[in-house]
C-alpha atoms as a PDB file:
ATOM      1  CA  MET A   1      89.092 101.503  80.417  1.00  0.00           C
ATOM      2  CA  ASN A   2      92.714 101.677  81.497  1.00  0.00           C
ATOM      3  CA  ILE A   3      93.439 103.234  84.882  1.00  0.00           C
ATOM      4  CA  PRO A   4      96.907 102.555  86.310  1.00  0.00           C
ATOM      5  CA  LEU A   5      96.907 101.434  89.944  1.00  0.00           C
ATOM      6  CA  PRO A   6      98.647 104.579  91.274  1.00  0.00           C
ATOM      7  CA  HIS A   7      95.819 106.720  89.789  1.00  0.00           C
ATOM      8  CA  LEU A   8      92.892 104.512  90.747  1.00  0.00           C
ATOM      9  CA  ALA A   9      91.715 106.397  93.833  1.00  0.00           C
ATOM     10  CA  ASP A  10      91.924 109.781  92.072  1.00  0.00           C
ATOM     11  CA  ARG A  11      90.049 108.501  89.005  1.00  0.00           C
ATOM     12  CA  ARG A  12      87.407 106.465  90.860  1.00  0.00           C
ATOM     13  CA  ALA A  13      84.623 108.737  89.506  1.00  0.00           C
ATOM     14  CA  GLU A  14      85.364 107.463  85.971  1.00  0.00           C
ATOM     15  CA  ILE A  15      84.159 103.972  86.894  1.00  0.00           C
ATOM     16  CA  PRO A  16      80.475 103.690  85.961  1.00  0.00           C
ATOM     17  CA  PRO A  17      78.272 102.956  88.974  1.00  0.00           C
ATOM     18  CA  GLY A  18      75.944  99.972  89.034  1.00  0.00           C
ATOM     19  CA  ARG A  19      77.956  97.869  86.592  1.00  0.00           C
ATOM     20  CA  PRO A  20      80.212  94.880  87.243  1.00  0.00           C
ATOM     21  CA  VAL A  21      83.920  95.715  87.251  1.00  0.00           C
ATOM     22  CA  VAL A  22      86.695  93.272  86.384  1.00  0.00           C
ATOM     23  CA  VAL A  23      90.235  94.405  87.074  1.00  0.00           C
ATOM     24  CA  HIS A  24      93.350  92.852  85.578  1.00  0.00           C
ATOM     25  CA  CYS A  25      97.056  93.377  85.193  1.00  0.00           C
ATOM     26  CA  GLU A  26      99.769  91.308  83.587  1.00  0.00           C
ATOM     27  CA  GLY A  27     100.325  88.770  86.353  1.00  0.00           C
ATOM     28  CA  GLY A  28      97.566  89.283  88.913  1.00  0.00           C
ATOM     29  CA  TYR A  29      99.376  91.054  91.769  1.00  0.00           C
ATOM     30  CA  ARG A  30      98.401  94.671  91.068  1.00  0.00           C
ATOM     31  CA  SER A  31      94.849  93.736  90.127  1.00  0.00           C
ATOM     32  CA  ALA A  32      94.346  92.079  93.520  1.00  0.00           C
ATOM     33  CA  ILE A  33      95.388  95.358  95.136  1.00  0.00           C
ATOM     34  CA  ALA A  34      93.114  97.305  92.765  1.00  0.00           C
ATOM     35  CA  ALA A  35      90.105  95.110  93.554  1.00  0.00           C
ATOM     36  CA  SER A  36      90.651  95.595  97.264  1.00  0.00           C
ATOM     37  CA  LEU A  37      91.064  99.353  96.865  1.00  0.00           C
ATOM     38  CA  LEU A  38      87.934  99.677  94.748  1.00  0.00           C
ATOM     39  CA  ALA A  39      85.923  97.726  97.317  1.00  0.00           C
ATOM     40  CA  LYS A  40      87.246 100.048 100.018  1.00  0.00           C
ATOM     41  CA  LEU A  41      86.200 103.026  97.858  1.00  0.00           C
ATOM     42  CA  GLY A  42      82.651 101.668  97.706  1.00  0.00           C
ATOM     43  CA  VAL A  43      82.626 100.099  94.250  1.00  0.00           C
ATOM     44  CA  ARG A  44      80.335  97.072  94.349  1.00  0.00           C
ATOM     45  CA  ASP A  45      80.579  93.925  92.235  1.00  0.00           C
ATOM     46  CA  VAL A  46      84.362  94.061  91.740  1.00  0.00           C
ATOM     47  CA  GLN A  47      86.098  90.943  90.419  1.00  0.00           C
ATOM     48  CA  ASP A  48      89.804  90.249  89.985  1.00  0.00           C
ATOM     49  CA  LEU A  49      91.014  88.333  86.940  1.00  0.00           C
ATOM     50  CA  VAL A  50      93.072  85.812  88.911  1.00  0.00           C
ATOM     51  CA  GLY A  51      96.467  85.218  87.344  1.00  0.00           C
ATOM     52  CA  GLY A  52      96.150  88.318  85.197  1.00  0.00           C
ATOM     53  CA  TYR A  53      96.476  88.686  81.464  1.00  0.00           C
ATOM     54  CA  LYS A  54      99.224  86.055  81.301  1.00  0.00           C
ATOM     55  CA  ALA A  55      96.852  83.411  82.698  1.00  0.00           C
ATOM     56  CA  TRP A  56      94.124  84.477  80.253  1.00  0.00           C
ATOM     57  CA  VAL A  57      96.457  84.076  77.282  1.00  0.00           C
ATOM     58  CA  ALA A  58      97.869  80.791  78.620  1.00  0.00           C
ATOM     59  CA  ALA A  59      94.302  79.430  78.793  1.00  0.00           C
ATOM     60  CA  LYS A  60      93.923  80.383  75.096  1.00  0.00           C
ATOM     61  CA  LEU A  61      90.926  82.608  75.822  1.00  0.00           C
ATOM     62  CA  PRO A  62      89.971  85.241  73.225  1.00  0.00           C
ATOM     63  CA  THR A  63      91.822  88.558  73.058  1.00  0.00           C
ATOM     64  CA  ARG A  64      91.585  91.672  70.894  1.00  0.00           C
ATOM     65  CA  ALA A  65      94.512  93.730  69.670  1.00  0.00           C
END
């Protein structure tokens, strides 16, 4: 699911309740803000992909196109 940070609060209802949520962005800055915002909005079990997508790729972890 792709929800840009500026739309996150307005689209909060699209996030399924009762499931873990991992947020990410390219470098990790916006996702840290998103994780904090989601927690403030009452979403439980929110994790931030530290370092973002760039760190994931640099660690040679699997990706899908």
